[in-house]
């Protein structure tokens, strides 16, 4: 995994959190759920990349 992937994940996480927050503020359960799902996906991807980086060492 390159530095570009590692830099992209925090940006994705911010976007996912914003989506979830707007869903909460607007009382939009679909948007809130989509943001939460995206956050889970981003965190899983980040964990996978960290594991791969540890195995490469």
N, C-alpha and C. Protein backbone atom coordinates (compact mmCIF):
# COMPACT_ATOMS: atom_id res chain seq x y z
N UNK A 1 0.83 -1.17 0.00
CA UNK A 1 0.00 0.00 0.00
C UNK A 1 0.88 1.23 0.00
N UNK A 2 0.52 2.17 -0.80
CA UNK A 2 1.32 3.37 -0.91
C UNK A 2 0.85 4.48 0.01
N UNK A 3 1.65 5.54 0.01
CA UNK A 3 1.33 6.69 0.83
C UNK A 3 0.03 7.34 0.37
N UNK A 4 -0.26 7.23 -0.93
CA UNK A 4 -1.49 7.82 -1.45
C UNK A 4 -2.71 7.15 -0.83
N UNK A 5 -2.68 5.82 -0.68
CA UNK A 5 -3.79 5.11 -0.06
C UNK A 5 -3.95 5.52 1.40
N UNK A 6 -2.82 5.65 2.10
CA UNK A 6 -2.86 6.02 3.51
C UNK A 6 -3.38 7.43 3.69
N UNK A 7 -3.11 8.32 2.76
CA UNK A 7 -3.58 9.70 2.84
C UNK A 7 -5.06 9.79 2.48
N UNK A 8 -5.53 8.89 1.62
CA UNK A 8 -6.91 8.94 1.15
C UNK A 8 -7.89 8.49 2.23
N UNK A 9 -7.51 7.55 3.07
CA UNK A 9 -8.42 7.02 4.08
C UNK A 9 -8.92 8.07 5.07
N UNK A 10 -8.07 8.95 5.62
CA UNK A 10 -8.60 9.97 6.52
C UNK A 10 -9.58 10.92 5.83
N UNK A 11 -9.34 11.21 4.57
CA UNK A 11 -10.25 12.07 3.81
C UNK A 11 -11.59 11.37 3.62
N UNK A 12 -11.54 10.09 3.29
CA UNK A 12 -12.77 9.31 3.14
C UNK A 12 -13.51 9.24 4.48
N UNK A 13 -12.77 9.08 5.57
CA UNK A 13 -13.38 8.99 6.88
C UNK A 13 -14.09 10.30 7.24
N UNK A 14 -13.48 11.43 6.91
CA UNK A 14 -14.11 12.72 7.17
C UNK A 14 -15.41 12.86 6.36
N UNK A 15 -15.37 12.45 5.11
CA UNK A 15 -16.56 12.54 4.27
C UNK A 15 -17.66 11.62 4.80
N UNK A 16 -17.29 10.43 5.24
CA UNK A 16 -18.26 9.49 5.79
C UNK A 16 -18.88 10.04 7.07
N UNK A 17 -18.04 10.63 7.92
CA UNK A 17 -18.53 11.20 9.17
C UNK A 17 -19.45 12.39 8.90
N UNK A 18 -19.12 13.21 7.90
CA UNK A 18 -19.97 14.34 7.54
C UNK A 18 -21.33 13.85 7.07
N UNK A 19 -21.33 12.79 6.26
CA UNK A 19 -22.59 12.24 5.76
C UNK A 19 -23.46 11.75 6.93
N UNK A 20 -22.82 11.06 7.87
CA UNK A 20 -23.55 10.56 9.03
C UNK A 20 -24.09 11.72 9.88
N UNK A 21 -23.26 12.75 10.09
CA UNK A 21 -23.66 13.90 10.90
C UNK A 21 -24.80 14.67 10.26
N UNK A 22 -24.73 14.89 8.94
CA UNK A 22 -25.83 15.56 8.25
C UNK A 22 -27.11 14.74 8.33
N UNK A 23 -26.98 13.43 8.27
CA UNK A 23 -28.14 12.57 8.40
C UNK A 23 -28.78 12.70 9.77
N UNK A 24 -27.94 12.80 10.81
CA UNK A 24 -28.46 12.98 12.17
C UNK A 24 -29.12 14.35 12.31
N UNK A 25 -28.47 15.38 11.81
CA UNK A 25 -28.99 16.74 11.95
C UNK A 25 -30.30 16.92 11.18
N UNK A 26 -30.40 16.28 10.03
CA UNK A 26 -31.57 16.43 9.17
C UNK A 26 -32.64 15.37 9.48
N UNK A 27 -32.35 14.51 10.47
CA UNK A 27 -33.24 13.42 10.84
C UNK A 27 -33.53 12.51 9.65
N UNK A 28 -32.49 12.28 8.84
CA UNK A 28 -32.57 11.43 7.65
C UNK A 28 -31.88 10.10 7.97
N UNK A 29 -32.67 9.11 8.32
CA UNK A 29 -32.12 7.82 8.74
C UNK A 29 -31.34 7.13 7.62
N UNK A 30 -31.78 7.30 6.37
CA UNK A 30 -31.07 6.67 5.24
C UNK A 30 -29.68 7.26 5.08
N UNK A 31 -29.57 8.58 5.15
CA UNK A 31 -28.27 9.24 5.02
C UNK A 31 -27.37 8.88 6.19
N UNK A 32 -27.93 8.86 7.38
CA UNK A 32 -27.17 8.49 8.57
C UNK A 32 -26.63 7.07 8.44
N UNK A 33 -27.49 6.14 8.01
CA UNK A 33 -27.07 4.75 7.85
C UNK A 33 -26.02 4.60 6.76
N UNK A 34 -26.17 5.36 5.68
CA UNK A 34 -25.18 5.31 4.60
C UNK A 34 -23.83 5.79 5.10
N UNK A 35 -23.82 6.86 5.89
CA UNK A 35 -22.57 7.38 6.45
C UNK A 35 -21.92 6.38 7.38
N UNK A 36 -22.72 5.71 8.21
CA UNK A 36 -22.18 4.71 9.12
C UNK A 36 -21.61 3.53 8.35
N UNK A 37 -22.32 3.11 7.31
CA UNK A 37 -21.82 1.99 6.49
C UNK A 37 -20.53 2.34 5.80
N UNK A 38 -20.45 3.56 5.28
CA UNK A 38 -19.22 4.00 4.62
C UNK A 38 -18.06 4.07 5.61
N UNK A 39 -18.34 4.51 6.85
CA UNK A 39 -17.30 4.56 7.86
C UNK A 39 -16.76 3.17 8.17
N UNK A 40 -17.64 2.22 8.28
CA UNK A 40 -17.22 0.84 8.55
C UNK A 40 -16.33 0.33 7.43
N UNK A 41 -16.73 0.62 6.20
CA UNK A 41 -15.93 0.19 5.04
C UNK A 41 -14.55 0.84 5.06
N UNK A 42 -14.50 2.13 5.34
CA UNK A 42 -13.23 2.85 5.37
C UNK A 42 -12.34 2.33 6.49
N UNK A 43 -12.91 2.08 7.67
CA UNK A 43 -12.12 1.58 8.79
C UNK A 43 -11.60 0.16 8.50
N UNK A 44 -12.41 -0.63 7.82
CA UNK A 44 -11.97 -1.98 7.46
C UNK A 44 -10.81 -1.92 6.47
N UNK A 45 -10.92 -1.02 5.50
CA UNK A 45 -9.86 -0.86 4.51
C UNK A 45 -8.56 -0.39 5.19
N UNK A 46 -8.70 0.54 6.13
CA UNK A 46 -7.54 1.05 6.85
C UNK A 46 -6.88 -0.06 7.66
N UNK A 47 -7.68 -0.88 8.32
CA UNK A 47 -7.13 -2.00 9.09
C UNK A 47 -6.43 -3.01 8.21
N UNK A 48 -7.00 -3.26 7.04
CA UNK A 48 -6.38 -4.20 6.09
C UNK A 48 -5.02 -3.67 5.64
N UNK A 49 -4.98 -2.36 5.32
CA UNK A 49 -3.72 -1.77 4.86
C UNK A 49 -2.67 -1.78 5.95
N UNK A 50 -3.09 -1.52 7.18
CA UNK A 50 -2.12 -1.55 8.30
C UNK A 50 -1.58 -2.96 8.50
N UNK A 51 -2.44 -3.96 8.40
CA UNK A 51 -2.00 -5.34 8.54
C UNK A 51 -1.03 -5.72 7.43
N UNK A 52 -1.34 -5.33 6.20
CA UNK A 52 -0.44 -5.62 5.08
C UNK A 52 0.91 -4.93 5.28
N UNK A 53 0.89 -3.70 5.79
CA UNK A 53 2.15 -2.99 6.02
C UNK A 53 2.97 -3.69 7.10
N UNK A 54 2.32 -4.21 8.14
CA UNK A 54 3.04 -4.93 9.19
C UNK A 54 3.64 -6.22 8.65
N UNK A 55 2.91 -6.90 7.78
CA UNK A 55 3.41 -8.15 7.22
C UNK A 55 4.57 -7.92 6.26
N UNK A 56 4.59 -6.74 5.62
CA UNK A 56 5.67 -6.43 4.67
C UNK A 56 6.97 -6.09 5.39
N UNK A 57 6.89 -5.74 6.68
CA UNK A 57 8.10 -5.35 7.42
C UNK A 57 8.96 -6.54 7.75
